[in-house]
Amino acid sequence: MSRNSKLISENLKEEIARELGVYEQVKQDGGWSNVSSKTCGNIVTKAIEIANRSVEK
């Protein structure tokens, strides 16, 4: 897999950020640079949970 390939779609990141209540910060700041690493980790964890559920079905 190339280094530049997306592992998680922008839409999924935004959906999870809304769910976690941080999307407004992302939108206001114009990007993900000010989102804490803990929050980014929570987004990744949630994405993994979603992927695991879809595999189980």
N, C-alpha and C. Protein backbone atom coordinates (compact mmCIF):
# COMPACT_ATOMS: atom_id res chain seq x y z
N MET A 1 0.85 -1.17 0.00
CA MET A 1 0.00 0.00 0.00
C MET A 1 0.89 1.24 0.00
N SER A 2 0.56 2.20 -0.82
CA SER A 2 1.39 3.40 -0.89
C SER A 2 1.20 4.26 0.34
N ARG A 3 2.18 5.05 0.60
CA ARG A 3 2.15 5.91 1.77
C ARG A 3 1.03 6.94 1.74
N ASN A 4 0.63 7.34 0.56
CA ASN A 4 -0.38 8.38 0.42
C ASN A 4 -1.81 7.85 0.36
N SER A 5 -1.98 6.53 0.40
CA SER A 5 -3.34 6.00 0.30
C SER A 5 -4.11 6.29 1.59
N LYS A 6 -5.39 6.51 1.42
CA LYS A 6 -6.25 6.81 2.56
C LYS A 6 -6.70 5.52 3.22
N LEU A 7 -6.49 5.42 4.50
CA LEU A 7 -6.96 4.25 5.23
C LEU A 7 -8.38 4.46 5.74
N ILE A 8 -8.75 5.70 5.92
CA ILE A 8 -10.09 6.04 6.38
C ILE A 8 -10.58 7.21 5.53
N SER A 9 -11.78 7.11 5.05
CA SER A 9 -12.29 8.17 4.18
C SER A 9 -12.55 9.45 4.97
N GLU A 10 -12.49 10.53 4.28
CA GLU A 10 -12.75 11.84 4.91
C GLU A 10 -14.18 11.88 5.45
N ASN A 11 -15.11 11.30 4.71
CA ASN A 11 -16.51 11.28 5.16
C ASN A 11 -16.67 10.52 6.47
N LEU A 12 -16.00 9.38 6.59
CA LEU A 12 -16.09 8.59 7.82
C LEU A 12 -15.46 9.34 8.98
N LYS A 13 -14.31 9.98 8.74
CA LYS A 13 -13.67 10.78 9.80
C LYS A 13 -14.61 11.88 10.28
N GLU A 14 -15.24 12.56 9.34
CA GLU A 14 -16.16 13.64 9.71
C GLU A 14 -17.36 13.12 10.47
N GLU A 15 -17.90 11.98 10.03
CA GLU A 15 -19.06 11.39 10.71
C GLU A 15 -18.72 11.02 12.16
N ILE A 16 -17.57 10.41 12.35
CA ILE A 16 -17.15 10.03 13.70
C ILE A 16 -16.84 11.26 14.53
N ALA A 17 -16.22 12.27 13.93
CA ALA A 17 -15.93 13.52 14.65
C ALA A 17 -17.22 14.18 15.12
N ARG A 18 -18.26 14.13 14.28
CA ARG A 18 -19.57 14.67 14.71
C ARG A 18 -20.09 13.88 15.90
N GLU A 19 -19.99 12.55 15.81
CA GLU A 19 -20.45 11.69 16.88
C GLU A 19 -19.71 11.97 18.19
N LEU A 20 -18.41 12.25 18.09
CA LEU A 20 -17.60 12.52 19.28
C LEU A 20 -17.66 13.99 19.71
N GLY A 21 -18.32 14.82 18.93
CA GLY A 21 -18.50 16.22 19.30
C GLY A 21 -17.33 17.13 19.00
N VAL A 22 -16.46 16.74 18.08
CA VAL A 22 -15.30 17.58 17.77
C VAL A 22 -15.32 18.13 16.35
N TYR A 23 -16.34 17.81 15.58
CA TYR A 23 -16.36 18.24 14.19
C TYR A 23 -16.42 19.76 14.06
N GLU A 24 -17.12 20.42 14.93
CA GLU A 24 -17.20 21.89 14.87
C GLU A 24 -15.82 22.51 15.02
N GLN A 25 -14.98 21.94 15.88
CA GLN A 25 -13.60 22.42 16.05
C GLN A 25 -12.83 22.23 14.75
N VAL A 26 -12.98 21.07 14.13
CA VAL A 26 -12.29 20.78 12.87
C VAL A 26 -12.73 21.78 11.81
N LYS A 27 -14.03 21.98 11.72
CA LYS A 27 -14.59 22.90 10.72
C LYS A 27 -14.13 24.34 10.99
N GLN A 28 -14.17 24.73 12.23
CA GLN A 28 -13.79 26.10 12.59
C GLN A 28 -12.29 26.35 12.33
N ASP A 29 -11.46 25.37 12.65
CA ASP A 29 -10.01 25.52 12.48
C ASP A 29 -9.57 25.28 11.04
N GLY A 30 -10.45 24.72 10.23
CA GLY A 30 -10.12 24.47 8.83
C GLY A 30 -9.27 23.23 8.61
N GLY A 31 -9.24 22.33 9.57
CA GLY A 31 -8.46 21.10 9.41
C GLY A 31 -8.31 20.36 10.71
N TRP A 32 -7.53 19.30 10.63
CA TRP A 32 -7.37 18.39 11.76
C TRP A 32 -6.17 18.72 12.64
N SER A 33 -5.41 19.73 12.31
CA SER A 33 -4.14 19.99 13.00
C SER A 33 -4.30 20.32 14.49
N ASN A 34 -5.41 20.88 14.90
CA ASN A 34 -5.59 21.25 16.31
C ASN A 34 -6.37 20.23 17.12
N VAL A 35 -6.70 19.10 16.50
CA VAL A 35 -7.41 18.04 17.21
C VAL A 35 -6.37 17.25 18.01
N SER A 36 -6.67 17.00 19.26
CA SER A 36 -5.69 16.31 20.12
C SER A 36 -5.44 14.89 19.64
N SER A 37 -4.27 14.38 19.98
CA SER A 37 -3.93 13.02 19.59
C SER A 37 -4.85 12.02 20.27
N LYS A 38 -5.32 12.33 21.47
CA LYS A 38 -6.27 11.45 22.16
C LYS A 38 -7.57 11.36 21.36
N THR A 39 -8.05 12.48 20.89
CA THR A 39 -9.28 12.49 20.09
C THR A 39 -9.07 11.77 18.78
N CYS A 40 -7.93 11.97 18.14
CA CYS A 40 -7.62 11.24 16.90
C CYS A 40 -7.60 9.74 17.16
N GLY A 41 -7.04 9.35 18.29
CA GLY A 41 -7.04 7.95 18.67
C GLY A 41 -8.44 7.40 18.86
N ASN A 42 -9.31 8.23 19.45
CA ASN A 42 -10.71 7.82 19.63
C ASN A 42 -11.41 7.66 18.29
N ILE A 43 -11.07 8.51 17.34
CA ILE A 43 -11.65 8.40 16.00
C ILE A 43 -11.20 7.10 15.34
N VAL A 44 -9.93 6.78 15.46
CA VAL A 44 -9.41 5.54 14.88
C VAL A 44 -10.05 4.33 15.55
N THR A 45 -10.17 4.36 16.87
CA THR A 45 -10.81 3.26 17.59
C THR A 45 -12.23 3.04 17.11
N LYS A 46 -12.97 4.12 16.96
CA LYS A 46 -14.36 4.03 16.49
C LYS A 46 -14.40 3.49 15.06
N ALA A 47 -13.48 3.91 14.21
CA ALA A 47 -13.44 3.42 12.82
C ALA A 47 -13.16 1.92 12.80
N ILE A 48 -12.29 1.46 13.68
CA ILE A 48 -11.98 0.03 13.76
C ILE A 48 -13.22 -0.75 14.22
N GLU A 49 -13.94 -0.21 15.19
CA GLU A 49 -15.18 -0.85 15.65
C GLU A 49 -16.18 -0.97 14.51
N ILE A 50 -16.33 0.09 13.73
CA ILE A 50 -17.26 0.07 12.59
C ILE A 50 -16.82 -0.97 11.57
N ALA A 51 -15.51 -1.02 11.29
CA ALA A 51 -15.00 -1.99 10.32
C ALA A 51 -15.22 -3.42 10.81
N ASN A 52 -14.97 -3.66 12.08
CA ASN A 52 -15.18 -5.00 12.64
C ASN A 52 -16.64 -5.42 12.57
N ARG A 53 -17.55 -4.50 12.83
CA ARG A 53 -18.99 -4.82 12.74
C ARG A 53 -19.37 -5.18 11.32
N SER A 54 -18.81 -4.45 10.35
CA SER A 54 -19.17 -4.73 8.95
C SER A 54 -18.60 -6.06 8.48
N VAL A 55 -17.46 -6.48 9.02
CA VAL A 55 -16.87 -7.77 8.67
C VAL A 55 -17.69 -8.92 9.27
N GLU A 56 -18.20 -8.70 10.48
CA GLU A 56 -18.96 -9.73 11.17
C GLU A 56 -20.31 -10.01 10.49
N LYS A 57 -20.83 -9.06 9.76
CA LYS A 57 -22.15 -9.23 9.13
C LYS A 57 -22.11 -10.10 7.93
